């Protein structure tokens, strides 16, 4: 993907890929295996430098995660 607003801080390339990762937040979420933290990743296509940005999760997605694990 190419965006004029993104430039890799490590190598200066303009091409990147995005992804998503979910993680647990605290003790209860670990016990019930609920991933209530969500991050968007931006990875440079040239050097694979990756940055993570925290995004908001909805209560509905957390409930769905609880019942599908």
PDB file of N, CA and C in Angstrom:
ATOM      1  N   UNK A   1       0.850  -1.168   0.000  1.00  0.00           N
ATOM      2  CA  UNK A   1       0.000   0.000   0.000  1.00  0.00           C
ATOM      3  C   UNK A   1       0.897   1.232   0.000  1.00  0.00           C
ATOM      4  N   UNK A   2       0.454   2.281  -0.616  1.00  0.00           N
ATOM      5  CA  UNK A   2       1.236   3.501  -0.670  1.00  0.00           C
ATOM      6  C   UNK A   2       0.367   4.669  -0.221  1.00  0.00           C
ATOM      7  N   UNK A   3       0.899   5.464   0.666  1.00  0.00           N
ATOM      8  CA  UNK A   3       0.181   6.615   1.189  1.00  0.00           C
ATOM      9  C   UNK A   3       1.178   7.757   1.334  1.00  0.00           C
ATOM     10  N   UNK A   4       0.827   8.913   0.828  1.00  0.00           N
ATOM     11  CA  UNK A   4       1.752  10.039   0.902  1.00  0.00           C
ATOM     12  C   UNK A   4       1.950  10.532   2.335  1.00  0.00           C
ATOM     13  N   UNK A   5       1.068  10.125   3.274  1.00  0.00           N
ATOM     14  CA  UNK A   5       1.198  10.549   4.658  1.00  0.00           C
ATOM     15  C   UNK A   5       2.131   9.663   5.477  1.00  0.00           C
ATOM     16  N   UNK A   6       2.479   8.476   4.965  1.00  0.00           N
ATOM     17  CA  UNK A   6       3.334   7.562   5.726  1.00  0.00           C
ATOM     18  C   UNK A   6       4.723   7.522   5.122  1.00  0.00           C
ATOM     19  N   UNK A   7       5.711   7.619   5.996  1.00  0.00           N
ATOM     20  CA  UNK A   7       7.094   7.403   5.598  1.00  0.00           C
ATOM     21  C   UNK A   7       7.768   6.657   6.736  1.00  0.00           C
ATOM     22  N   UNK A   8       8.402   5.539   6.431  1.00  0.00           N
ATOM     23  CA  UNK A   8       9.060   4.726   7.446  1.00  0.00           C
ATOM     24  C   UNK A   8      10.122   5.558   8.164  1.00  0.00           C
ATOM     25  N   UNK A   9      10.065   5.624   9.501  1.00  0.00           N
ATOM     26  CA  UNK A   9      11.061   6.404  10.232  1.00  0.00           C
ATOM     27  C   UNK A   9      12.454   5.782  10.221  1.00  0.00           C
ATOM     28  N   UNK A  10      12.541   4.506   9.836  1.00  0.00           N
ATOM     29  CA  UNK A  10      13.837   3.816   9.839  1.00  0.00           C
ATOM     30  C   UNK A  10      14.557   3.923   8.496  1.00  0.00           C
ATOM     31  N   UNK A  11      13.815   3.633   7.382  1.00  0.00           N
ATOM     32  CA  UNK A  11      14.487   3.607   6.075  1.00  0.00           C
ATOM     33  C   UNK A  11      13.941   4.640   5.088  1.00  0.00           C
ATOM     34  N   UNK A  12      12.822   5.289   5.421  1.00  0.00           N
ATOM     35  CA  UNK A  12      12.276   6.321   4.551  1.00  0.00           C
ATOM     36  C   UNK A  12      11.371   5.829   3.443  1.00  0.00           C
ATOM     37  N   UNK A  13      11.085   4.525   3.382  1.00  0.00           N
ATOM     38  CA  UNK A  13      10.220   3.974   2.333  1.00  0.00           C
ATOM     39  C   UNK A  13       8.780   4.437   2.527  1.00  0.00           C
ATOM     40  N   UNK A  14       8.009   4.409   1.431  1.00  0.00           N
ATOM     41  CA  UNK A  14       6.612   4.840   1.475  1.00  0.00           C
ATOM     42  C   UNK A  14       5.623   3.682   1.441  1.00  0.00           C
ATOM     43  N   UNK A  15       6.066   2.477   1.124  1.00  0.00           N
ATOM     44  CA  UNK A  15       5.185   1.307   1.045  1.00  0.00           C
ATOM     45  C   UNK A  15       5.052   0.654   2.407  1.00  0.00           C
ATOM     46  N   UNK A  16       3.837   0.225   2.745  1.00  0.00           N
ATOM     47  CA  UNK A  16       3.592  -0.382   4.050  1.00  0.00           C
ATOM     48  C   UNK A  16       2.417  -1.354   3.989  1.00  0.00           C
ATOM     49  N   UNK A  17       2.292  -2.163   5.013  1.00  0.00           N
ATOM     50  CA  UNK A  17       1.164  -3.079   5.193  1.00  0.00           C
ATOM     51  C   UNK A  17       0.573  -2.830   6.574  1.00  0.00           C
ATOM     52  N   UNK A  18      -0.733  -3.011   6.704  1.00  0.00           N
ATOM     53  CA  UNK A  18      -1.368  -2.860   8.008  1.00  0.00           C
ATOM     54  C   UNK A  18      -1.907  -4.202   8.473  1.00  0.00           C
ATOM     55  N   UNK A  19      -2.054  -4.344   9.787  1.00  0.00           N
ATOM     56  CA  UNK A  19      -2.589  -5.561  10.376  1.00  0.00           C
ATOM     57  C   UNK A  19      -3.240  -5.234  11.708  1.00  0.00           C
ATOM     58  N   UNK A  20      -3.689  -6.267  12.381  1.00  0.00           N
ATOM     59  CA  UNK A  20      -4.356  -6.099  13.672  1.00  0.00           C
ATOM     60  C   UNK A  20      -3.911  -7.189  14.618  1.00  0.00           C
ATOM     61  N   UNK A  21      -3.772  -6.830  15.887  1.00  0.00           N
ATOM     62  CA  UNK A  21      -3.422  -7.800  16.912  1.00  0.00           C
ATOM     63  C   UNK A  21      -4.297  -7.514  18.128  1.00  0.00           C
ATOM     64  N   UNK A  22      -4.702  -8.578  18.812  1.00  0.00           N
ATOM     65  CA  UNK A  22      -5.506  -8.437  20.023  1.00  0.00           C
ATOM     66  C   UNK A  22      -4.749  -9.095  21.165  1.00  0.00           C
ATOM     67  N   UNK A  23      -4.900  -8.537  22.368  1.00  0.00           N
ATOM     68  CA  UNK A  23      -4.180  -9.045  23.539  1.00  0.00           C
ATOM     69  C   UNK A  23      -5.060  -8.940  24.778  1.00  0.00           C
ATOM     70  N   UNK A  24      -4.710  -9.710  25.803  1.00  0.00           N
ATOM     71  CA  UNK A  24      -5.423  -9.620  27.072  1.00  0.00           C
ATOM     72  C   UNK A  24      -4.905  -8.433  27.858  1.00  0.00           C
ATOM     73  N   UNK A  25      -5.734  -7.941  28.790  1.00  0.00           N
ATOM     74  CA  UNK A  25      -5.350  -6.753  29.523  1.00  0.00           C
ATOM     75  C   UNK A  25      -4.995  -6.998  30.969  1.00  0.00           C
ATOM     76  N   UNK A  26      -5.744  -7.817  31.670  1.00  0.00           N
ATOM     77  CA  UNK A  26      -5.515  -8.006  33.096  1.00  0.00           C
ATOM     78  C   UNK A  26      -5.744  -9.441  33.508  1.00  0.00           C
ATOM     79  N   UNK A  27      -5.772  -9.675  34.806  1.00  0.00           N
ATOM     80  CA  UNK A  27      -5.870 -11.030  35.348  1.00  0.00           C
ATOM     81  C   UNK A  27      -7.163 -11.725  34.936  1.00  0.00           C
ATOM     82  N   UNK A  28      -8.299 -11.060  35.110  1.00  0.00           N
ATOM     83  CA  UNK A  28      -9.572 -11.695  34.758  1.00  0.00           C
ATOM     84  C   UNK A  28      -9.681 -11.976  33.263  1.00  0.00           C
ATOM     85  N   UNK A  29      -9.199 -11.056  32.440  1.00  0.00           N
ATOM     86  CA  UNK A  29      -9.259 -11.303  31.005  1.00  0.00           C
ATOM     87  C   UNK A  29      -8.326 -12.446  30.606  1.00  0.00           C
ATOM     88  N   UNK A  30      -7.238 -12.638  31.326  1.00  0.00           N
ATOM     89  CA  UNK A  30      -6.358 -13.781  31.063  1.00  0.00           C
ATOM     90  C   UNK A  30      -7.018 -15.083  31.476  1.00  0.00           C
ATOM     91  N   UNK A  31      -7.696 -15.091  32.627  1.00  0.00           N
ATOM     92  CA  UNK A  31      -8.378 -16.308  33.106  1.00  0.00           C
ATOM     93  C   UNK A  31      -9.458 -16.728  32.123  1.00  0.00           C
ATOM     94  N   UNK A  32     -10.254 -15.765  31.652  1.00  0.00           N
ATOM     95  CA  UNK A  32     -11.355 -16.081  30.737  1.00  0.00           C
ATOM     96  C   UNK A  32     -10.946 -16.030  29.276  1.00  0.00           C
ATOM     97  N   UNK A  33      -9.670 -15.769  28.996  1.00  0.00           N
ATOM     98  CA  UNK A  33      -9.119 -15.711  27.639  1.00  0.00           C
ATOM     99  C   UNK A  33      -9.877 -14.716  26.764  1.00  0.00           C
ATOM    100  N   UNK A  34     -10.068 -13.510  27.280  1.00  0.00           N
ATOM    101  CA  UNK A  34     -10.735 -12.440  26.548  1.00  0.00           C
ATOM    102  C   UNK A  34      -9.681 -11.421  26.134  1.00  0.00           C
ATOM    103  N   UNK A  35      -9.555 -11.224  24.831  1.00  0.00           N
ATOM    104  CA  UNK A  35      -8.596 -10.248  24.321  1.00  0.00           C
ATOM    105  C   UNK A  35      -9.290  -8.896  24.239  1.00  0.00           C
ATOM    106  N   UNK A  36      -9.168  -8.097  25.300  1.00  0.00           N
ATOM    107  CA  UNK A  36      -9.874  -6.819  25.353  1.00  0.00           C
ATOM    108  C   UNK A  36      -9.004  -5.635  24.965  1.00  0.00           C
ATOM    109  N   UNK A  37      -7.810  -5.867  24.490  1.00  0.00           N
ATOM    110  CA  UNK A  37      -6.927  -4.801  23.987  1.00  0.00           C
ATOM    111  C   UNK A  37      -6.726  -5.050  22.497  1.00  0.00           C
ATOM    112  N   UNK A  38      -6.817  -3.979  21.703  1.00  0.00           N
ATOM    113  CA  UNK A  38      -6.707  -4.111  20.256  1.00  0.00           C
ATOM    114  C   UNK A  38      -5.687  -3.100  19.744  1.00  0.00           C
ATOM    115  N   UNK A  39      -4.808  -3.546  18.853  1.00  0.00           N
ATOM    116  CA  UNK A  39      -3.769  -2.689  18.288  1.00  0.00           C
ATOM    117  C   UNK A  39      -3.752  -2.842  16.771  1.00  0.00           C
ATOM    118  N   UNK A  40      -3.499  -1.747  16.081  1.00  0.00           N
ATOM    119  CA  UNK A  40      -3.299  -1.774  14.636  1.00  0.00           C
ATOM    120  C   UNK A  40      -1.806  -1.670  14.392  1.00  0.00           C
ATOM    121  N   UNK A  41      -1.293  -2.511  13.509  1.00  0.00           N
ATOM    122  CA  UNK A  41       0.139  -2.473  13.196  1.00  0.00           C
ATOM    123  C   UNK A  41       0.346  -1.880  11.807  1.00  0.00           C
ATOM    124  N   UNK A  42       1.435  -1.144  11.668  1.00  0.00           N
ATOM    125  CA  UNK A  42       1.866  -0.604  10.380  1.00  0.00           C
ATOM    126  C   UNK A  42       3.286  -1.099  10.175  1.00  0.00           C
ATOM    127  N   UNK A  43       3.488  -1.906   9.125  1.00  0.00           N
ATOM    128  CA  UNK A  43       4.786  -2.524   8.858  1.00  0.00           C
ATOM    129  C   UNK A  43       5.339  -2.026   7.535  1.00  0.00           C
ATOM    130  N   UNK A  44       6.555  -1.544   7.559  1.00  0.00           N
ATOM    131  CA  UNK A  44       7.235  -1.095   6.349  1.00  0.00           C
ATOM    132  C   UNK A  44       7.476  -2.299   5.435  1.00  0.00           C
ATOM    133  N   UNK A  45       7.104  -2.168   4.168  1.00  0.00           N
ATOM    134  CA  UNK A  45       7.293  -3.260   3.212  1.00  0.00           C
ATOM    135  C   UNK A  45       8.760  -3.459   2.848  1.00  0.00           C
ATOM    136  N   UNK A  46       9.583  -2.457   3.060  1.00  0.00           N
ATOM    137  CA  UNK A  46      10.990  -2.539   2.696  1.00  0.00           C
ATOM    138  C   UNK A  46      11.839  -3.177   3.796  1.00  0.00           C
ATOM    139  N   UNK A  47      11.782  -2.629   5.014  1.00  0.00           N
ATOM    140  CA  UNK A  47      12.682  -3.094   6.076  1.00  0.00           C
ATOM    141  C   UNK A  47      11.966  -3.847   7.201  1.00  0.00           C
ATOM    142  N   UNK A  48      10.650  -3.970   7.124  1.00  0.00           N
ATOM    143  CA  UNK A  48       9.775  -4.658   8.097  1.00  0.00           C
ATOM    144  C   UNK A  48       9.745  -3.996   9.476  1.00  0.00           C
ATOM    145  N   UNK A  49      10.149  -2.740   9.575  1.00  0.00           N
ATOM    146  CA  UNK A  49       9.987  -1.988  10.824  1.00  0.00           C
ATOM    147  C   UNK A  49       8.489  -1.880  11.108  1.00  0.00           C
ATOM    148  N   UNK A  50       8.076  -2.155  12.350  1.00  0.00           N
ATOM    149  CA  UNK A  50       6.656  -2.188  12.702  1.00  0.00           C
ATOM    150  C   UNK A  50       6.365  -1.263  13.870  1.00  0.00           C
ATOM    151  N   UNK A  51       5.270  -0.513  13.738  1.00  0.00           N
ATOM    152  CA  UNK A  51       4.765   0.329  14.817  1.00  0.00           C
ATOM    153  C   UNK A  51       3.372  -0.154  15.177  1.00  0.00           C
ATOM    154  N   UNK A  52       3.011  -0.068  16.467  1.00  0.00           N
ATOM    155  CA  UNK A  52       1.686  -0.469  16.935  1.00  0.00           C
ATOM    156  C   UNK A  52       0.953   0.745  17.473  1.00  0.00           C
ATOM    157  N   UNK A  53      -0.330   0.833  17.136  1.00  0.00           N
ATOM    158  CA  UNK A  53      -1.188   1.910  17.604  1.00  0.00           C
ATOM    159  C   UNK A  53      -2.397   1.308  18.294  1.00  0.00           C
ATOM    160  N   UNK A  54      -2.673   1.766  19.507  1.00  0.00           N
ATOM    161  CA  UNK A  54      -3.802   1.250  20.272  1.00  0.00           C
ATOM    162  C   UNK A  54      -5.107   1.777  19.677  1.00  0.00           C
ATOM    163  N   UNK A  55      -6.072   0.868  19.498  1.00  0.00           N
ATOM    164  CA  UNK A  55      -7.393   1.246  19.009  1.00  0.00           C
ATOM    165  C   UNK A  55      -8.437   0.812  20.022  1.00  0.00           C
ATOM    166  N   UNK A  56      -9.595   1.382  19.935  1.00  0.00           N
ATOM    167  CA  UNK A  56     -10.661   1.069  20.882  1.00  0.00           C
ATOM    168  C   UNK A  56     -11.376  -0.210  20.487  1.00  0.00           C
ATOM    169  N   UNK A  57     -11.807  -0.969  21.497  1.00  0.00           N
ATOM    170  CA  UNK A  57     -12.621  -2.158  21.259  1.00  0.00           C
ATOM    171  C   UNK A  57     -14.023  -1.876  21.772  1.00  0.00           C
ATOM    172  N   UNK A  58     -14.988  -2.545  21.185  1.00  0.00           N
ATOM    173  CA  UNK A  58     -16.363  -2.359  21.625  1.00  0.00           C
ATOM    174  C   UNK A  58     -16.725  -3.438  22.643  1.00  0.00           C
ATOM    175  N   UNK A  59     -17.716  -3.159  23.456  1.00  0.00           N
ATOM    176  CA  UNK A  59     -18.196  -4.135  24.439  1.00  0.00           C
ATOM    177  C   UNK A  59     -18.739  -5.366  23.731  1.00  0.00           C
ATOM    178  N   UNK A  60     -19.384  -5.176  22.584  1.00  0.00           N
ATOM    179  CA  UNK A  60     -19.942  -6.293  21.829  1.00  0.00           C
ATOM    180  C   UNK A  60     -18.851  -7.250  21.356  1.00  0.00           C
ATOM    181  N   UNK A  61     -17.733  -6.718  20.880  1.00  0.00           N
ATOM    182  CA  UNK A  61     -16.650  -7.601  20.429  1.00  0.00           C
ATOM    183  C   UNK A  61     -16.035  -8.357  21.602  1.00  0.00           C
ATOM    184  N   UNK A  62     -15.961  -7.715  22.787  1.00  0.00           N
ATOM    185  CA  UNK A  62     -15.441  -8.398  23.976  1.00  0.00           C
ATOM    186  C   UNK A  62     -16.365  -9.523  24.426  1.00  0.00           C
ATOM    187  N   UNK A  63     -17.673  -9.298  24.375  1.00  0.00           N
ATOM    188  CA  UNK A  63     -18.653 -10.341  24.736  1.00  0.00           C
ATOM    189  C   UNK A  63     -18.579 -11.480  23.738  1.00  0.00           C
ATOM    190  N   UNK A  64     -18.515 -11.164  22.444  1.00  0.00           N
ATOM    191  CA  UNK A  64     -18.410 -12.185  21.413  1.00  0.00           C
ATOM    192  C   UNK A  64     -17.143 -13.016  21.618  1.00  0.00           C
ATOM    193  N   UNK A  65     -16.046 -12.359  21.960  1.00  0.00           N
ATOM    194  CA  UNK A  65     -14.768 -13.051  22.207  1.00  0.00           C
ATOM    195  C   UNK A  65     -14.898 -14.001  23.387  1.00  0.00           C
ATOM    196  N   UNK A  66     -15.612 -13.591  24.435  1.00  0.00           N
ATOM    197  CA  UNK A  66     -15.789 -14.429  25.619  1.00  0.00           C
ATOM    198  C   UNK A  66     -16.519 -15.730  25.270  1.00  0.00           C
ATOM    199  N   UNK A  67     -17.546 -15.658  24.446  1.00  0.00           N
ATOM    200  CA  UNK A  67     -18.355 -16.843  24.130  1.00  0.00           C
ATOM    201  C   UNK A  67     -17.786 -17.687  22.998  1.00  0.00           C
ATOM    202  N   UNK A  68     -16.840 -17.176  22.237  1.00  0.00           N
ATOM    203  CA  UNK A  68     -16.277 -17.965  21.128  1.00  0.00           C
ATOM    204  C   UNK A  68     -14.973 -18.637  21.482  1.00  0.00           C
ATOM    205  N   UNK A  69     -14.440 -18.417  22.678  1.00  0.00           N
ATOM    206  CA  UNK A  69     -13.177 -19.059  23.070  1.00  0.00           C
ATOM    207  C   UNK A  69     -13.400 -20.406  23.654  1.00  0.00           C
TER     208      UNK A  69
END
